[in-house]
Amino acid sequence: MRNDSDGSDAVAVLSSGQTLKIHGVTLYPTESIAIISGLRSEAASKMGGVSTGIGFIGSPTWAIGAGAALGFLESVASDAARKNGLKMFAEADRQTDAMYAQGLLFRMKDVTNSDRPLPASWSSTALVDDYQSIAPLSRKQQDAVLSQNRLTQADLVNGYLMPIKRERLYSHNGDEFLSVDTDFGLINIRWSSVVGYIGPNRNSPPPLPPSP
């Protein structure tokens, strides 16, 4: 069991009555979430009000990523717009898989707005490797750029991609389940089942107003 004496963890009370101490939460690249959201929105617009049996496409109940429904969607893609929408759904699914692979676990105390029981407002940042192509440069120019960044030719990826550290923003991806680190290990919890929440780094409650 881990110690929460420093107040760095959050506490969630589930509708079952169980109390979970949350040490960390998995967040995903915000830029990827935005791209996927845009693809899904445009795809839903192109597909119109097609009902799949699991809700109307574009409605809040529509579960994007429902690969089992793609066969049905192909059968109703009777025009170019719908066929383009179907391709966008498939691309959104592909990018969603890539997004999940890039998720990082953040300590609750390092998550912005984790004092609020609103995962949609949670975010954090991390330094990640980005890659810049130096292929168009001459060998002399490449060596100069690498030297400026304290790198060598051995640090290049595929011979021409230079790794650059940059700060990336991570956020909650909007799923109803959150992947959280607890005393039981990593588990997924449905946030709608949370009936009570205490954020990390909690301070004393504000003073009550004076009696009249």
C-alpha atoms as a PDB file:
ATOM      1  CA  MET A   1       0.000   0.000   0.000  1.00  0.00           C
ATOM      2  CA  ARG A   2       1.250   3.495  -0.822  1.00  0.00           C
ATOM      3  CA  ASN A   3       1.220   6.381   1.552  1.00  0.00           C
ATOM      4  CA  ASP A   4      -0.987   9.382   0.797  1.00  0.00           C
ATOM      5  CA  SER A   5       0.158  11.392   3.792  1.00  0.00           C
ATOM      6  CA  ASP A   6       1.472  14.152   1.503  1.00  0.00           C
ATOM      7  CA  GLY A   7      -1.914  14.587  -0.187  1.00  0.00           C
ATOM      8  CA  SER A   8      -0.493  13.864  -3.660  1.00  0.00           C
ATOM      9  CA  ASP A   9      -3.175  11.305  -4.532  1.00  0.00           C
ATOM     10  CA  ALA A  10      -6.864  11.665  -5.349  1.00  0.00           C
ATOM     11  CA  VAL A  11      -9.660   9.642  -3.779  1.00  0.00           C
ATOM     12  CA  ALA A  12     -12.749   8.435  -5.645  1.00  0.00           C
ATOM     13  CA  VAL A  13     -15.837   6.900  -4.047  1.00  0.00           C
ATOM     14  CA  LEU A  14     -17.725   4.556  -6.377  1.00  0.00           C
ATOM     15  CA  SER A  15     -21.464   3.954  -6.413  1.00  0.00           C
ATOM     16  CA  SER A  16     -20.724   0.466  -5.075  1.00  0.00           C
ATOM     17  CA  GLY A  17     -19.368   2.074  -1.914  1.00  0.00           C
ATOM     18  CA  GLN A  18     -15.760   1.167  -2.718  1.00  0.00           C
ATOM     19  CA  THR A  19     -13.105   3.824  -2.158  1.00  0.00           C
ATOM     20  CA  LEU A  20     -10.175   4.062  -4.567  1.00  0.00           C
ATOM     21  CA  LYS A  21      -6.962   5.944  -3.950  1.00  0.00           C
ATOM     22  CA  ILE A  22      -5.866   7.239  -7.364  1.00  0.00           C
ATOM     23  CA  HIS A  23      -2.140   7.794  -7.753  1.00  0.00           C
ATOM     24  CA  GLY A  24      -2.160   8.645 -11.457  1.00  0.00           C
ATOM     25  CA  VAL A  25      -4.246   8.839 -14.629  1.00  0.00           C
ATOM     26  CA  THR A  26      -3.475   8.059 -18.270  1.00  0.00           C
ATOM     27  CA  LEU A  27      -3.756  11.066 -20.584  1.00  0.00           C
ATOM     28  CA  TYR A  28      -3.299  11.286 -24.357  1.00  0.00           C
ATOM     29  CA  PRO A  29      -1.755  13.780 -26.819  1.00  0.00           C
ATOM     30  CA  THR A  30      -4.175  16.692 -27.110  1.00  0.00           C
ATOM     31  CA  GLU A  31      -3.287  17.318 -30.757  1.00  0.00           C
ATOM     32  CA  SER A  32      -4.208  13.729 -31.639  1.00  0.00           C
ATOM     33  CA  ILE A  33      -7.521  14.008 -29.773  1.00  0.00           C
ATOM     34  CA  ALA A  34      -8.370  17.158 -31.743  1.00  0.00           C
ATOM     35  CA  ILE A  35      -7.557  15.550 -35.099  1.00  0.00           C
ATOM     36  CA  ILE A  36      -9.612  12.449 -34.322  1.00  0.00           C
ATOM     37  CA  SER A  37     -12.525  14.546 -33.105  1.00  0.00           C
ATOM     38  CA  GLY A  38     -12.442  16.552 -36.332  1.00  0.00           C
ATOM     39  CA  LEU A  39     -12.375  13.400 -38.472  1.00  0.00           C
ATOM     40  CA  ARG A  40     -15.307  11.886 -36.614  1.00  0.00           C
ATOM     41  CA  SER A  41     -17.346  15.059 -36.798  1.00  0.00           C
ATOM     42  CA  GLU A  42     -16.805  15.485 -40.537  1.00  0.00           C
ATOM     43  CA  ALA A  43     -17.417  11.779 -41.191  1.00  0.00           C
ATOM     44  CA  ALA A  44     -20.678  11.871 -39.232  1.00  0.00           C
ATOM     45  CA  SER A  45     -21.765  14.899 -41.267  1.00  0.00           C
ATOM     46  CA  LYS A  46     -21.059  13.114 -44.548  1.00  0.00           C
ATOM     47  CA  MET A  47     -22.857   9.939 -43.433  1.00  0.00           C
ATOM     48  CA  GLY A  48     -25.961  11.875 -42.404  1.00  0.00           C
ATOM     49  CA  GLY A  49     -28.618  10.328 -40.172  1.00  0.00           C
ATOM     50  CA  VAL A  50     -27.823   6.703 -40.889  1.00  0.00           C
ATOM     51  CA  SER A  51     -28.915   4.361 -38.082  1.00  0.00           C
ATOM     52  CA  THR A  52     -26.649   1.376 -37.428  1.00  0.00           C
ATOM     53  CA  GLY A  53     -28.640  -0.376 -34.727  1.00  0.00           C
ATOM     54  CA  ILE A  54     -26.268   1.030 -32.107  1.00  0.00           C
ATOM     55  CA  GLY A  55     -27.513   4.582 -32.517  1.00  0.00           C
ATOM     56  CA  PHE A  56     -27.604   7.181 -35.256  1.00  0.00           C
ATOM     57  CA  ILE A  57     -24.205   8.087 -36.636  1.00  0.00           C
ATOM     58  CA  GLY A  58     -23.171  11.392 -35.149  1.00  0.00           C
ATOM     59  CA  SER A  59     -25.502  11.115 -32.170  1.00  0.00           C
ATOM     60  CA  PRO A  60     -24.090  11.023 -28.613  1.00  0.00           C
ATOM     61  CA  THR A  61     -24.913   7.303 -28.396  1.00  0.00           C
ATOM     62  CA  TRP A  62     -22.929   6.416 -31.503  1.00  0.00           C
ATOM     63  CA  ALA A  63     -19.865   4.439 -30.494  1.00  0.00           C
ATOM     64  CA  ILE A  64     -17.119   5.394 -32.907  1.00  0.00           C
ATOM     65  CA  GLY A  65     -14.633   2.574 -33.249  1.00  0.00           C
ATOM     66  CA  ALA A  66     -17.424   0.042 -33.640  1.00  0.00           C
ATOM     67  CA  GLY A  67     -15.575  -2.016 -36.216  1.00  0.00           C
ATOM     68  CA  ALA A  68     -18.400  -4.526 -36.313  1.00  0.00           C
ATOM     69  CA  ALA A  69     -20.612  -1.856 -37.869  1.00  0.00           C
ATOM     70  CA  LEU A  70     -18.285  -1.101 -40.771  1.00  0.00           C
ATOM     71  CA  GLY A  71     -19.795  -3.843 -42.912  1.00  0.00           C
ATOM     72  CA  PHE A  72     -23.208  -2.281 -42.445  1.00  0.00           C
ATOM     73  CA  LEU A  73     -21.837   1.150 -43.213  1.00  0.00           C
ATOM     74  CA  GLU A  74     -20.384  -0.089 -46.486  1.00  0.00           C
ATOM     75  CA  SER A  75     -23.823  -1.299 -47.542  1.00  0.00           C
ATOM     76  CA  VAL A  76     -25.388   2.138 -46.981  1.00  0.00           C
ATOM     77  CA  ALA A  77     -22.527   4.131 -48.494  1.00  0.00           C
ATOM     78  CA  SER A  78     -24.490   4.717 -51.686  1.00  0.00           C
ATOM     79  CA  ASP A  79     -22.906   7.989 -52.750  1.00  0.00           C
ATOM     80  CA  ALA A  80     -19.488   9.633 -52.825  1.00  0.00           C
ATOM     81  CA  ALA A  81     -20.055  11.693 -49.669  1.00  0.00           C
ATOM     82  CA  ARG A  82     -20.974   8.641 -47.601  1.00  0.00           C
ATOM     83  CA  LYS A  83     -18.073   6.653 -49.007  1.00  0.00           C
ATOM     84  CA  ASN A  84     -15.747   9.489 -48.030  1.00  0.00           C
ATOM     85  CA  GLY A  85     -17.363   9.518 -44.593  1.00  0.00           C
ATOM     86  CA  LEU A  86     -16.706   5.802 -44.254  1.00  0.00           C
ATOM     87  CA  LYS A  87     -13.046   6.312 -45.121  1.00  0.00           C
ATOM     88  CA  MET A  88     -12.849   9.033 -42.472  1.00  0.00           C
ATOM     89  CA  PHE A  89     -14.326   6.704 -39.854  1.00  0.00           C
ATOM     90  CA  ALA A  90     -11.693   4.108 -40.712  1.00  0.00           C
ATOM     91  CA  GLU A  91      -8.929   6.721 -40.511  1.00  0.00           C
ATOM     92  CA  ALA A  92     -10.272   7.947 -37.160  1.00  0.00           C
ATOM     93  CA  ASP A  93     -10.128   4.361 -35.865  1.00  0.00           C
ATOM     94  CA  ARG A  94      -6.550   3.978 -37.099  1.00  0.00           C
ATOM     95  CA  GLN A  95      -5.480   7.230 -35.457  1.00  0.00           C
ATOM     96  CA  THR A  96      -7.317   6.279 -32.260  1.00  0.00           C
ATOM     97  CA  ASP A  97      -5.226   3.117 -31.990  1.00  0.00           C
ATOM     98  CA  ALA A  98      -2.086   5.219 -32.480  1.00  0.00           C
ATOM     99  CA  MET A  99      -3.291   7.685 -29.841  1.00  0.00           C
ATOM    100  CA  TYR A 100      -3.797   4.927 -27.260  1.00  0.00           C
ATOM    101  CA  ALA A 101      -0.233   3.756 -27.891  1.00  0.00           C
ATOM    102  CA  GLN A 102       1.013   7.271 -27.034  1.00  0.00           C
ATOM    103  CA  GLY A 103      -0.830   7.593 -23.729  1.00  0.00           C
ATOM    104  CA  LEU A 104       1.257   8.474 -20.677  1.00  0.00           C
ATOM    105  CA  LEU A 105       0.566   7.985 -16.986  1.00  0.00           C
ATOM    106  CA  PHE A 106       0.733  11.211 -14.975  1.00  0.00           C
ATOM    107  CA  ARG A 107       0.794  11.584 -11.196  1.00  0.00           C
ATOM    108  CA  MET A 108      -2.423  13.212 -10.006  1.00  0.00           C
ATOM    109  CA  LYS A 109      -0.514  16.018  -8.313  1.00  0.00           C
ATOM    110  CA  ASP A 110       0.992  16.921 -11.708  1.00  0.00           C
ATOM    111  CA  VAL A 111      -2.362  17.054 -13.515  1.00  0.00           C
ATOM    112  CA  THR A 112      -3.858  20.513 -14.025  1.00  0.00           C
ATOM    113  CA  ASN A 113      -7.393  20.844 -12.611  1.00  0.00           C
ATOM    114  CA  SER A 114      -7.220  17.438 -10.915  1.00  0.00           C
ATOM    115  CA  ASP A 115      -8.733  19.116  -7.870  1.00  0.00           C
ATOM    116  CA  ARG A 116     -11.992  19.113  -9.871  1.00  0.00           C
ATOM    117  CA  PRO A 117     -14.055  15.968 -10.516  1.00  0.00           C
ATOM    118  CA  LEU A 118     -14.120  16.794 -14.247  1.00  0.00           C
ATOM    119  CA  PRO A 119     -11.691  14.622 -16.252  1.00  0.00           C
ATOM    120  CA  ALA A 120     -12.510  16.624 -19.399  1.00  0.00           C
ATOM    121  CA  SER A 121     -10.617  19.548 -17.825  1.00  0.00           C
ATOM    122  CA  TRP A 122      -7.560  17.504 -16.801  1.00  0.00           C
ATOM    123  CA  SER A 123      -4.284  18.028 -18.634  1.00  0.00           C
ATOM    124  CA  SER A 124      -0.543  17.844 -18.199  1.00  0.00           C
ATOM    125  CA  THR A 125       2.636  18.227 -20.241  1.00  0.00           C
ATOM    126  CA  ALA A 126       5.636  16.026 -20.948  1.00  0.00           C
ATOM    127  CA  LEU A 127       8.880  16.339 -22.889  1.00  0.00           C
ATOM    128  CA  VAL A 128       8.808  14.016 -25.886  1.00  0.00           C
ATOM    129  CA  ASP A 129      11.011  13.335 -28.892  1.00  0.00           C
ATOM    130  CA  ASP A 130       9.957  15.081 -32.063  1.00  0.00           C
ATOM    131  CA  TYR A 131      11.845  14.535 -35.314  1.00  0.00           C
ATOM    132  CA  GLN A 132      13.169  17.078 -37.788  1.00  0.00           C
ATOM    133  CA  SER A 133      14.396  16.024 -41.221  1.00  0.00           C
ATOM    134  CA  ILE A 134      17.873  17.254 -42.148  1.00  0.00           C
ATOM    135  CA  ALA A 135      18.010  15.285 -45.428  1.00  0.00           C
ATOM    136  CA  PRO A 136      18.018  18.418 -47.669  1.00  0.00           C
ATOM    137  CA  LEU A 137      21.147  19.745 -45.937  1.00  0.00           C
ATOM    138  CA  SER A 138      24.697  19.035 -46.990  1.00  0.00           C
ATOM    139  CA  ARG A 139      26.802  16.850 -44.710  1.00  0.00           C
ATOM    140  CA  LYS A 140      28.628  19.951 -43.442  1.00  0.00           C
ATOM    141  CA  GLN A 141      25.339  21.715 -42.706  1.00  0.00           C
ATOM    142  CA  GLN A 142      23.974  18.589 -41.018  1.00  0.00           C
ATOM    143  CA  ASP A 143      27.019  18.384 -38.760  1.00  0.00           C
ATOM    144  CA  ALA A 144      26.608  22.065 -37.842  1.00  0.00           C
ATOM    145  CA  VAL A 145      22.929  21.614 -36.943  1.00  0.00           C
ATOM    146  CA  LEU A 146      23.695  18.467 -34.957  1.00  0.00           C
ATOM    147  CA  SER A 147      26.503  20.242 -33.104  1.00  0.00           C
ATOM    148  CA  GLN A 148      24.163  23.113 -32.177  1.00  0.00           C
ATOM    149  CA  ASN A 149      21.811  20.548 -30.654  1.00  0.00           C
ATOM    150  CA  ARG A 150      24.611  18.537 -29.017  1.00  0.00           C
ATOM    151  CA  LEU A 151      23.922  15.541 -31.242  1.00  0.00           C
ATOM    152  CA  THR A 152      26.012  13.430 -33.618  1.00  0.00           C
ATOM    153  CA  GLN A 153      25.285  11.447 -36.791  1.00  0.00           C
ATOM    154  CA  ALA A 154      24.845   8.407 -34.526  1.00  0.00           C
ATOM    155  CA  ASP A 155      21.814  10.077 -32.936  1.00  0.00           C
ATOM    156  CA  LEU A 156      19.930  10.345 -36.241  1.00  0.00           C
ATOM    157  CA  VAL A 157      16.930   8.097 -36.890  1.00  0.00           C
ATOM    158  CA  ASN A 158      16.875   6.438 -40.317  1.00  0.00           C
ATOM    159  CA  GLY A 159      19.937   8.490 -41.161  1.00  0.00           C
ATOM    160  CA  TYR A 160      18.210  11.854 -41.569  1.00  0.00           C
ATOM    161  CA  LEU A 161      15.680  12.444 -38.741  1.00  0.00           C
ATOM    162  CA  MET A 162      17.060  14.500 -35.866  1.00  0.00           C
ATOM    163  CA  PRO A 163      15.355  13.956 -32.485  1.00  0.00           C
ATOM    164  CA  ILE A 164      14.234  17.210 -30.876  1.00  0.00           C
ATOM    165  CA  LYS A 165      12.807  17.467 -27.379  1.00  0.00           C
ATOM    166  CA  ARG A 166       9.572  19.412 -27.214  1.00  0.00           C
ATOM    167  CA  GLU A 167       6.801  19.879 -24.696  1.00  0.00           C
ATOM    168  CA  ARG A 168       3.581  18.094 -25.602  1.00  0.00           C
ATOM    169  CA  LEU A 169       0.177  18.710 -24.027  1.00  0.00           C
ATOM    170  CA  TYR A 170      -1.803  15.669 -22.837  1.00  0.00           C
ATOM    171  CA  SER A 171      -5.507  15.543 -22.001  1.00  0.00           C
ATOM    172  CA  HIS A 172      -8.389  13.220 -21.194  1.00  0.00           C
ATOM    173  CA  ASN A 173      -9.593  11.730 -24.486  1.00  0.00           C
ATOM    174  CA  GLY A 174     -13.303  11.832 -23.642  1.00  0.00           C
ATOM    175  CA  ASP A 175     -13.860   8.119 -23.064  1.00  0.00           C
ATOM    176  CA  GLU A 176     -16.287   7.191 -20.297  1.00  0.00           C
ATOM    177  CA  PHE A 177     -13.624   4.876 -18.832  1.00  0.00           C
ATOM    178  CA  LEU A 178     -10.434   6.276 -17.323  1.00  0.00           C
ATOM    179  CA  SER A 179      -7.249   4.264 -16.930  1.00  0.00           C
ATOM    180  CA  VAL A 180      -6.010   5.040 -13.420  1.00  0.00           C
ATOM    181  CA  ASP A 181      -3.192   3.820 -11.199  1.00  0.00           C
ATOM    182  CA  THR A 182      -4.429   2.559  -7.830  1.00  0.00           C
ATOM    183  CA  ASP A 183      -3.269   0.367  -4.960  1.00  0.00           C
ATOM    184  CA  PHE A 184      -4.584  -2.532  -7.076  1.00  0.00           C
ATOM    185  CA  GLY A 185      -2.526  -1.494 -10.107  1.00  0.00           C
ATOM    186  CA  LEU A 186      -3.787  -0.007 -13.358  1.00  0.00           C
ATOM    187  CA  ILE A 187      -7.555  -0.341 -13.721  1.00  0.00           C
ATOM    188  CA  ASN A 188     -10.250   1.221 -15.898  1.00  0.00           C
ATOM    189  CA  ILE A 189     -13.106   2.897 -14.061  1.00  0.00           C
ATOM    190  CA  ARG A 190     -16.341   4.220 -15.511  1.00  0.00           C
ATOM    191  CA  TRP A 191     -16.392   7.843 -14.376  1.00  0.00           C
ATOM    192  CA  SER A 192     -20.186   7.898 -14.235  1.00  0.00           C
ATOM    193  CA  SER A 193     -19.935   5.425 -11.355  1.00  0.00           C
ATOM    194  CA  VAL A 194     -17.974   7.938  -9.249  1.00  0.00           C
ATOM    195  CA  VAL A 195     -20.240   9.514  -6.631  1.00  0.00           C
ATOM    196  CA  GLY A 196     -17.584  11.255  -4.553  1.00  0.00           C
ATOM    197  CA  TYR A 197     -14.171  12.726  -5.314  1.00  0.00           C
ATOM    198  CA  ILE A 198     -11.353  14.379  -3.380  1.00  0.00           C
ATOM    199  CA  GLY A 199      -8.580  15.914  -5.451  1.00  0.00           C
ATOM    200  CA  PRO A 200      -4.853  15.875  -4.647  1.00  0.00           C
ATOM    201  CA  ASN A 201      -2.988  18.638  -2.836  1.00  0.00           C
ATOM    202  CA  ARG A 202      -6.188  19.438  -1.033  1.00  0.00           C
ATOM    203  CA  ASN A 203      -6.141  22.272   1.469  1.00  0.00           C
ATOM    204  CA  SER A 204      -8.336  23.008   4.436  1.00  0.00           C
ATOM    205  CA  PRO A 205     -11.926  23.880   3.498  1.00  0.00           C
ATOM    206  CA  PRO A 206     -12.739  27.575   3.180  1.00  0.00           C
ATOM    207  CA  PRO A 207     -14.025  29.257   6.316  1.00  0.00           C
ATOM    208  CA  LEU A 208     -17.762  29.420   6.849  1.00  0.00           C
ATOM    209  CA  PRO A 209     -19.371  32.856   6.598  1.00  0.00           C
ATOM    210  CA  PRO A 210     -19.942  34.569   9.926  1.00  0.00           C
ATOM    211  CA  SER A 211     -23.290  34.066  11.561  1.00  0.00           C
ATOM    212  CA  PRO A 212     -25.726  36.961  11.125  1.00  0.00           C
END
